[in-house]
PDB file of N, CA and C in Angstrom:
ATOM      1  N   UNK A   1     -16.581  -4.669 -39.558  1.00  0.00           N
ATOM      2  CA  UNK A   1     -15.411  -4.485 -39.264  1.00  0.00           C
ATOM      3  C   UNK A   1     -15.021  -4.685 -37.884  1.00  0.00           C
ATOM      4  N   UNK A   2     -14.611  -5.556 -37.229  1.00  0.00           N
ATOM      5  CA  UNK A   2     -13.903  -5.820 -35.839  1.00  0.00           C
ATOM      6  C   UNK A   2     -13.138  -4.370 -35.538  1.00  0.00           C
ATOM      7  N   UNK A   3     -12.753  -3.754 -34.432  1.00  0.00           N
ATOM      8  CA  UNK A   3     -12.248  -2.308 -34.120  1.00  0.00           C
ATOM      9  C   UNK A   3     -10.652  -2.721 -34.123  1.00  0.00           C
ATOM     10  N   UNK A   4     -10.484  -4.385 -33.111  1.00  0.00           N
ATOM     11  CA  UNK A   4      -9.133  -4.340 -33.640  1.00  0.00           C
ATOM     12  C   UNK A   4      -8.495  -4.292 -34.834  1.00  0.00           C
ATOM     13  N   UNK A   5      -9.135  -4.604 -35.895  1.00  0.00           N
ATOM     14  CA  UNK A   5      -8.814  -4.379 -37.238  1.00  0.00           C
ATOM     15  C   UNK A   5      -8.570  -3.059 -37.554  1.00  0.00           C
ATOM     16  N   UNK A   6      -9.255  -2.342 -37.302  1.00  0.00           N
ATOM     17  CA  UNK A   6      -9.090  -0.737 -37.736  1.00  0.00           C
ATOM     18  C   UNK A   6      -7.846  -0.019 -37.030  1.00  0.00           C
ATOM     19  N   UNK A   7      -6.891   1.016 -37.906  1.00  0.00           N
ATOM     20  CA  UNK A   7      -5.480   1.298 -37.642  1.00  0.00           C
ATOM     21  C   UNK A   7      -5.849   2.239 -36.513  1.00  0.00           C
ATOM     22  N   UNK A   8      -6.883   2.884 -36.096  1.00  0.00           N
ATOM     23  CA  UNK A   8      -6.806   4.054 -35.165  1.00  0.00           C
ATOM     24  C   UNK A   8      -8.492   3.811 -34.697  1.00  0.00           C
ATOM     25  N   UNK A   9      -8.540   4.360 -33.587  1.00  0.00           N
ATOM     26  CA  UNK A   9      -9.913   4.340 -32.726  1.00  0.00           C
ATOM     27  C   UNK A   9     -10.139   6.179 -32.825  1.00  0.00           C
ATOM     28  N   UNK A  10     -11.244   6.643 -32.610  1.00  0.00           N
ATOM     29  CA  UNK A  10     -11.932   8.106 -31.948  1.00  0.00           C
ATOM     30  C   UNK A  10     -11.878   7.807 -30.561  1.00  0.00           C
ATOM     31  N   UNK A  11     -11.613   9.139 -30.074  1.00  0.00           N
ATOM     32  CA  UNK A  11     -11.367   8.915 -28.801  1.00  0.00           C
ATOM     33  C   UNK A  11     -12.438   8.158 -28.027  1.00  0.00           C
ATOM     34  N   UNK A  12     -13.701   8.794 -28.237  1.00  0.00           N
ATOM     35  CA  UNK A  12     -14.658   8.292 -27.577  1.00  0.00           C
ATOM     36  C   UNK A  12     -14.796   6.697 -27.471  1.00  0.00           C
ATOM     37  N   UNK A  13     -14.661   5.959 -28.654  1.00  0.00           N
ATOM     38  CA  UNK A  13     -14.451   4.655 -29.147  1.00  0.00           C
ATOM     39  C   UNK A  13     -13.765   3.829 -28.152  1.00  0.00           C
ATOM     40  N   UNK A  14     -12.579   4.647 -28.431  1.00  0.00           N
ATOM     41  CA  UNK A  14     -11.298   3.825 -27.250  1.00  0.00           C
ATOM     42  C   UNK A  14     -11.519   3.876 -26.059  1.00  0.00           C
ATOM     43  N   UNK A  15     -12.070   5.222 -25.018  1.00  0.00           N
ATOM     44  CA  UNK A  15     -12.382   5.636 -24.525  1.00  0.00           C
ATOM     45  C   UNK A  15     -13.026   4.075 -23.671  1.00  0.00           C
ATOM     46  N   UNK A  16     -14.776   3.540 -24.656  1.00  0.00           N
ATOM     47  CA  UNK A  16     -15.503   2.913 -24.246  1.00  0.00           C
ATOM     48  C   UNK A  16     -14.642   1.327 -24.628  1.00  0.00           C
ATOM     49  N   UNK A  17     -14.035   1.127 -25.492  1.00  0.00           N
ATOM     50  CA  UNK A  17     -13.022  -0.235 -25.219  1.00  0.00           C
ATOM     51  C   UNK A  17     -12.795  -0.444 -24.270  1.00  0.00           C
ATOM     52  N   UNK A  18     -11.733   0.444 -23.490  1.00  0.00           N
ATOM     53  CA  UNK A  18     -10.646   0.196 -22.445  1.00  0.00           C
ATOM     54  C   UNK A  18     -11.837   0.858 -21.402  1.00  0.00           C
ATOM     55  N   UNK A  19     -12.899   1.315 -21.076  1.00  0.00           N
ATOM     56  CA  UNK A  19     -13.580   1.542 -20.165  1.00  0.00           C
ATOM     57  C   UNK A  19     -12.784   2.415 -19.286  1.00  0.00           C
ATOM     58  N   UNK A  20     -12.266   3.339 -19.611  1.00  0.00           N
ATOM     59  CA  UNK A  20     -11.480   4.504 -18.939  1.00  0.00           C
ATOM     60  C   UNK A  20     -11.605   5.757 -19.222  1.00  0.00           C
ATOM     61  N   UNK A  21     -12.362   6.781 -19.011  1.00  0.00           N
ATOM     62  CA  UNK A  21     -12.414   8.028 -19.292  1.00  0.00           C
ATOM     63  C   UNK A  21     -11.233   8.643 -20.448  1.00  0.00           C
ATOM     64  N   UNK A  22     -11.836   9.575 -21.446  1.00  0.00           N
ATOM     65  CA  UNK A  22     -11.110  10.157 -22.222  1.00  0.00           C
ATOM     66  C   UNK A  22      -9.903  11.198 -21.400  1.00  0.00           C
ATOM     67  N   UNK A  23      -9.951  11.697 -20.096  1.00  0.00           N
ATOM     68  CA  UNK A  23      -8.944  12.026 -19.814  1.00  0.00           C
ATOM     69  C   UNK A  23      -8.381  10.978 -19.267  1.00  0.00           C
ATOM     70  N   UNK A  24      -8.248   9.794 -18.956  1.00  0.00           N
ATOM     71  CA  UNK A  24      -7.684   8.815 -18.866  1.00  0.00           C
ATOM     72  C   UNK A  24      -6.255   8.066 -20.048  1.00  0.00           C
ATOM     73  N   UNK A  25      -6.962   8.644 -21.085  1.00  0.00           N
ATOM     74  CA  UNK A  25      -6.527   8.335 -22.756  1.00  0.00           C
ATOM     75  C   UNK A  25      -5.417   9.360 -22.813  1.00  0.00           C
ATOM     76  N   UNK A  26      -6.164  10.462 -22.643  1.00  0.00           N
ATOM     77  CA  UNK A  26      -4.794  11.836 -22.959  1.00  0.00           C
ATOM     78  C   UNK A  26      -3.413  11.690 -21.522  1.00  0.00           C
ATOM     79  N   UNK A  27      -3.605  11.003 -20.622  1.00  0.00           N
ATOM     80  CA  UNK A  27      -3.143  11.180 -19.426  1.00  0.00           C
ATOM     81  C   UNK A  27      -1.883  10.076 -19.695  1.00  0.00           C
ATOM     82  N   UNK A  28      -2.681   8.892 -20.420  1.00  0.00           N
ATOM     83  CA  UNK A  28      -1.918   7.598 -20.625  1.00  0.00           C
ATOM     84  C   UNK A  28      -0.997   8.281 -22.199  1.00  0.00           C
ATOM     85  N   UNK A  29      -1.188   8.609 -22.958  1.00  0.00           N
ATOM     86  CA  UNK A  29      -0.564   9.574 -24.229  1.00  0.00           C
ATOM     87  C   UNK A  29       0.696  10.186 -23.496  1.00  0.00           C
ATOM     88  N   UNK A  30       0.381  10.758 -22.232  1.00  0.00           N
ATOM     89  CA  UNK A  30       1.046  12.174 -21.489  1.00  0.00           C
ATOM     90  C   UNK A  30       2.242  10.908 -21.137  1.00  0.00           C
ATOM     91  N   UNK A  31       1.974   9.785 -20.876  1.00  0.00           N
ATOM     92  CA  UNK A  31       3.055   8.919 -20.344  1.00  0.00           C
ATOM     93  C   UNK A  31       3.568   8.212 -21.291  1.00  0.00           C
ATOM     94  N   UNK A  32       3.170   8.252 -22.582  1.00  0.00           N
ATOM     95  CA  UNK A  32       4.069   7.290 -23.280  1.00  0.00           C
ATOM     96  C   UNK A  32       3.392   5.892 -23.711  1.00  0.00           C
ATOM     97  N   UNK A  33       2.385   5.481 -22.735  1.00  0.00           N
ATOM     98  CA  UNK A  33       1.280   4.448 -22.960  1.00  0.00           C
ATOM     99  C   UNK A  33       0.712   3.994 -24.308  1.00  0.00           C
ATOM    100  N   UNK A  34       0.060   5.210 -25.040  1.00  0.00           N
ATOM    101  CA  UNK A  34      -0.514   5.524 -26.046  1.00  0.00           C
ATOM    102  C   UNK A  34      -0.331   5.938 -26.884  1.00  0.00           C
ATOM    103  N   UNK A  35      -0.488   5.556 -28.071  1.00  0.00           N
ATOM    104  CA  UNK A  35       0.037   6.594 -29.443  1.00  0.00           C
ATOM    105  C   UNK A  35      -1.432   6.988 -30.162  1.00  0.00           C
ATOM    106  N   UNK A  36      -1.078   8.803 -29.969  1.00  0.00           N
ATOM    107  CA  UNK A  36      -2.398   9.264 -30.774  1.00  0.00           C
ATOM    108  C   UNK A  36      -1.675   9.997 -32.158  1.00  0.00           C
ATOM    109  N   UNK A  37      -2.681   9.968 -32.958  1.00  0.00           N
ATOM    110  CA  UNK A  37      -2.683  10.207 -34.297  1.00  0.00           C
ATOM    111  C   UNK A  37      -3.614  11.508 -35.120  1.00  0.00           C
ATOM    112  N   UNK A  38      -2.726  12.339 -35.208  1.00  0.00           N
ATOM    113  CA  UNK A  38      -4.385  13.487 -36.279  1.00  0.00           C
ATOM    114  C   UNK A  38      -4.227  13.093 -37.219  1.00  0.00           C
ATOM    115  N   UNK A  39      -5.433  13.143 -38.041  1.00  0.00           N
ATOM    116  CA  UNK A  39      -5.971  12.701 -39.065  1.00  0.00           C
ATOM    117  C   UNK A  39      -7.117  13.941 -39.235  1.00  0.00           C
ATOM    118  N   UNK A  40      -7.160  14.838 -40.599  1.00  0.00           N
ATOM    119  CA  UNK A  40      -8.101  15.179 -41.064  1.00  0.00           C
ATOM    120  C   UNK A  40      -8.647  16.463 -39.787  1.00  0.00           C
ATOM    121  N   UNK A  41      -7.622  16.935 -38.909  1.00  0.00           N
ATOM    122  CA  UNK A  41      -8.423  17.475 -37.807  1.00  0.00           C
ATOM    123  C   UNK A  41      -9.105  16.782 -36.655  1.00  0.00           C
ATOM    124  N   UNK A  42      -8.473  15.586 -36.529  1.00  0.00           N
ATOM    125  CA  UNK A  42      -9.268  14.647 -35.126  1.00  0.00           C
ATOM    126  C   UNK A  42      -7.908  13.899 -35.032  1.00  0.00           C
ATOM    127  N   UNK A  43      -8.087  13.906 -33.215  1.00  0.00           N
ATOM    128  CA  UNK A  43      -7.323  13.259 -32.437  1.00  0.00           C
ATOM    129  C   UNK A  43      -7.688  11.566 -32.312  1.00  0.00           C
ATOM    130  N   UNK A  44      -7.025  10.405 -32.568  1.00  0.00           N
ATOM    131  CA  UNK A  44      -6.956   9.431 -33.152  1.00  0.00           C
ATOM    132  C   UNK A  44      -6.306   8.541 -31.670  1.00  0.00           C
ATOM    133  N   UNK A  45      -6.442   7.250 -31.597  1.00  0.00           N
ATOM    134  CA  UNK A  45      -6.012   6.378 -31.143  1.00  0.00           C
ATOM    135  C   UNK A  45      -4.910   5.161 -31.464  1.00  0.00           C
ATOM    136  N   UNK A  46      -4.420   5.218 -31.735  1.00  0.00           N
ATOM    137  CA  UNK A  46      -3.518   3.895 -32.419  1.00  0.00           C
ATOM    138  C   UNK A  46      -4.169   2.560 -32.140  1.00  0.00           C
ATOM    139  N   UNK A  47      -4.646   1.551 -32.359  1.00  0.00           N
ATOM    140  CA  UNK A  47      -5.202   0.904 -32.551  1.00  0.00           C
ATOM    141  C   UNK A  47      -4.271  -0.219 -31.716  1.00  0.00           C
ATOM    142  N   UNK A  48      -2.784  -0.404 -31.809  1.00  0.00           N
ATOM    143  CA  UNK A  48      -2.014  -1.593 -31.004  1.00  0.00           C
ATOM    144  C   UNK A  48      -1.847  -0.859 -30.180  1.00  0.00           C
ATOM    145  N   UNK A  49      -1.569   0.203 -29.649  1.00  0.00           N
ATOM    146  CA  UNK A  49      -1.194   0.834 -28.656  1.00  0.00           C
ATOM    147  C   UNK A  49      -2.302   0.299 -27.569  1.00  0.00           C
ATOM    148  N   UNK A  50      -3.457   0.949 -28.418  1.00  0.00           N
ATOM    149  CA  UNK A  50      -4.511   0.946 -27.545  1.00  0.00           C
ATOM    150  C   UNK A  50      -4.671  -0.635 -26.842  1.00  0.00           C
ATOM    151  N   UNK A  51      -4.612  -1.593 -27.975  1.00  0.00           N
ATOM    152  CA  UNK A  51      -4.461  -3.395 -27.427  1.00  0.00           C
ATOM    153  C   UNK A  51      -3.200  -3.100 -26.270  1.00  0.00           C
ATOM    154  N   UNK A  52      -2.234  -2.694 -26.703  1.00  0.00           N
ATOM    155  CA  UNK A  52      -1.367  -2.969 -25.772  1.00  0.00           C
ATOM    156  C   UNK A  52      -1.874  -2.188 -24.369  1.00  0.00           C
ATOM    157  N   UNK A  53      -2.760  -1.216 -24.206  1.00  0.00           N
ATOM    158  CA  UNK A  53      -2.782  -0.389 -22.982  1.00  0.00           C
ATOM    159  C   UNK A  53      -3.762  -0.995 -22.492  1.00  0.00           C
ATOM    160  N   UNK A  54      -4.361  -2.002 -22.967  1.00  0.00           N
ATOM    161  CA  UNK A  54      -5.351  -2.636 -22.276  1.00  0.00           C
ATOM    162  C   UNK A  54      -4.888  -3.789 -21.725  1.00  0.00           C
ATOM    163  N   UNK A  55      -4.019  -4.510 -21.958  1.00  0.00           N
ATOM    164  CA  UNK A  55      -3.140  -5.963 -22.056  1.00  0.00           C
ATOM    165  C   UNK A  55      -2.264  -5.443 -20.663  1.00  0.00           C
ATOM    166  N   UNK A  56      -1.663  -4.390 -20.354  1.00  0.00           N
ATOM    167  CA  UNK A  56      -1.073  -3.836 -18.757  1.00  0.00           C
ATOM    168  C   UNK A  56      -2.236  -4.033 -18.190  1.00  0.00           C
ATOM    169  N   UNK A  57      -3.072  -4.194 -18.081  1.00  0.00           N
ATOM    170  CA  UNK A  57      -4.366  -3.982 -16.516  1.00  0.00           C
ATOM    171  C   UNK A  57      -3.671  -4.863 -15.736  1.00  0.00           C
ATOM    172  N   UNK A  58      -3.802  -4.556 -14.910  1.00  0.00           N
ATOM    173  CA  UNK A  58      -3.462  -5.434 -13.588  1.00  0.00           C
ATOM    174  C   UNK A  58      -4.246  -6.286 -12.672  1.00  0.00           C
ATOM    175  N   UNK A  59      -4.209  -7.206 -12.748  1.00  0.00           N
ATOM    176  CA  UNK A  59      -5.656  -8.114 -11.602  1.00  0.00           C
ATOM    177  C   UNK A  59      -6.009  -7.051 -10.583  1.00  0.00           C
ATOM    178  N   UNK A  60      -7.208  -7.139 -10.020  1.00  0.00           N
ATOM    179  CA  UNK A  60      -8.252  -6.570  -9.003  1.00  0.00           C
ATOM    180  C   UNK A  60      -7.364  -6.766  -7.890  1.00  0.00           C
ATOM    181  N   UNK A  61      -7.015  -6.062  -6.904  1.00  0.00           N
ATOM    182  CA  UNK A  61      -6.811  -6.906  -5.508  1.00  0.00           C
ATOM    183  C   UNK A  61      -7.235  -5.965  -4.604  1.00  0.00           C
ATOM    184  N   UNK A  62      -8.370  -6.000  -3.644  1.00  0.00           N
ATOM    185  CA  UNK A  62      -9.168  -5.447  -2.324  1.00  0.00           C
ATOM    186  C   UNK A  62      -8.185  -4.479  -1.922  1.00  0.00           C
ATOM    187  N   UNK A  63      -8.870  -3.397  -1.888  1.00  0.00           N
ATOM    188  CA  UNK A  63      -8.190  -2.117  -1.090  1.00  0.00           C
ATOM    189  C   UNK A  63      -8.659  -2.229   0.336  1.00  0.00           C
ATOM    190  N   UNK A  64      -7.461  -2.102   1.453  1.00  0.00           N
ATOM    191  CA  UNK A  64      -7.385  -2.297   2.622  1.00  0.00           C
ATOM    192  C   UNK A  64      -7.427  -0.750   3.178  1.00  0.00           C
ATOM    193  N   UNK A  65      -7.759   0.586   2.139  1.00  0.00           N
ATOM    194  CA  UNK A  65      -7.219   1.900   2.513  1.00  0.00           C
ATOM    195  C   UNK A  65      -7.913   2.362   4.016  1.00  0.00           C
ATOM    196  N   UNK A  66      -9.232   2.162   4.164  1.00  0.00           N
ATOM    197  CA  UNK A  66      -9.909   1.883   5.245  1.00  0.00           C
ATOM    198  C   UNK A  66      -9.519   1.713   6.508  1.00  0.00           C
ATOM    199  N   UNK A  67      -8.613   0.985   6.902  1.00  0.00           N
ATOM    200  CA  UNK A  67      -8.281   0.058   7.826  1.00  0.00           C
ATOM    201  C   UNK A  67      -7.954   0.747   9.005  1.00  0.00           C
ATOM    202  N   UNK A  68      -7.065   1.985   8.774  1.00  0.00           N
ATOM    203  CA  UNK A  68      -6.400   2.754   9.883  1.00  0.00           C
ATOM    204  C   UNK A  68      -7.931   3.473  10.337  1.00  0.00           C
ATOM    205  N   UNK A  69      -8.512   3.722   9.647  1.00  0.00           N
ATOM    206  CA  UNK A  69      -9.574   4.553  10.487  1.00  0.00           C
ATOM    207  C   UNK A  69     -10.479   3.759  10.876  1.00  0.00           C
ATOM    208  N   UNK A  70     -10.952   2.348  10.453  1.00  0.00           N
ATOM    209  CA  UNK A  70     -11.625   2.055  11.257  1.00  0.00           C
ATOM    210  C   UNK A  70     -10.841   1.284  12.544  1.00  0.00           C
ATOM    211  N   UNK A  71      -9.762   1.059  12.874  1.00  0.00           N
ATOM    212  CA  UNK A  71      -8.910   0.977  14.201  1.00  0.00           C
ATOM    213  C   UNK A  71      -9.090   1.695  14.763  1.00  0.00           C
ATOM    214  N   UNK A  72      -8.891   3.008  14.453  1.00  0.00           N
ATOM    215  CA  UNK A  72      -8.821   4.194  15.421  1.00  0.00           C
ATOM    216  C   UNK A  72     -10.098   4.164  15.645  1.00  0.00           C
ATOM    217  N   UNK A  73     -11.347   4.307  15.163  1.00  0.00           N
ATOM    218  CA  UNK A  73     -12.736   4.434  15.591  1.00  0.00           C
ATOM    219  C   UNK A  73     -12.987   2.910  16.642  1.00  0.00           C
ATOM    220  N   UNK A  74     -12.623   2.039  16.375  1.00  0.00           N
ATOM    221  CA  UNK A  74     -12.670   0.994  17.091  1.00  0.00           C
ATOM    222  C   UNK A  74     -12.113   1.171  18.501  1.00  0.00           C
ATOM    223  N   UNK A  75     -11.195   1.752  18.167  1.00  0.00           N
ATOM    224  CA  UNK A  75      -9.981   2.101  19.832  1.00  0.00           C
ATOM    225  C   UNK A  75     -11.076   3.151  20.702  1.00  0.00           C
ATOM    226  N   UNK A  76     -11.659   4.097  20.192  1.00  0.00           N
ATOM    227  CA  UNK A  76     -12.271   5.009  20.408  1.00  0.00           C
ATOM    228  C   UNK A  76     -13.422   4.226  21.331  1.00  0.00           C
ATOM    229  N   UNK A  77     -14.152   3.909  20.705  1.00  0.00           N
ATOM    230  CA  UNK A  77     -15.417   3.108  20.918  1.00  0.00           C
ATOM    231  C   UNK A  77     -14.890   2.402  22.278  1.00  0.00           C
ATOM    232  N   UNK A  78     -14.215   1.302  21.910  1.00  0.00           N
ATOM    233  CA  UNK A  78     -13.363   0.616  22.987  1.00  0.00           C
ATOM    234  C   UNK A  78     -13.032   1.461  24.338  1.00  0.00           C
ATOM    235  N   UNK A  79     -12.381   2.763  24.366  1.00  0.00           N
ATOM    236  CA  UNK A  79     -11.847   3.820  25.246  1.00  0.00           C
ATOM    237  C   UNK A  79     -13.229   4.965  26.108  1.00  0.00           C
ATOM    238  N   UNK A  80     -14.253   4.645  25.046  1.00  0.00           N
ATOM    239  CA  UNK A  80     -15.262   5.079  25.524  1.00  0.00           C
ATOM    240  C   UNK A  80     -16.485   3.982  26.785  1.00  0.00           C
ATOM    241  N   UNK A  81     -16.612   2.699  26.176  1.00  0.00           N
ATOM    242  CA  UNK A  81     -16.866   2.162  27.250  1.00  0.00           C
ATOM    243  C   UNK A  81     -16.486   1.538  28.511  1.00  0.00           C
ATOM    244  N   UNK A  82     -14.625   1.835  28.666  1.00  0.00           N
ATOM    245  CA  UNK A  82     -14.210   1.751  29.456  1.00  0.00           C
ATOM    246  C   UNK A  82     -14.522   2.918  30.863  1.00  0.00           C
TER     247      UNK A  82
END
């Protein structure tokens, strides 16, 4: 049976499917993005909410987090050469 056809997923399986940590799944549930269910003492992820969670993925864009630090280092190097 395909995972998409199962009503619920174990946390470890959902984590692997979405390629995120189990902690990220708990955070998404807390934010109301995922639905968890309790069955026989186990916490499971509702598959339809997991599919929606994966569908919310944003396109990747490169980050320029280090631009300010690189500019500052370049400025310091120029000042040292003066």
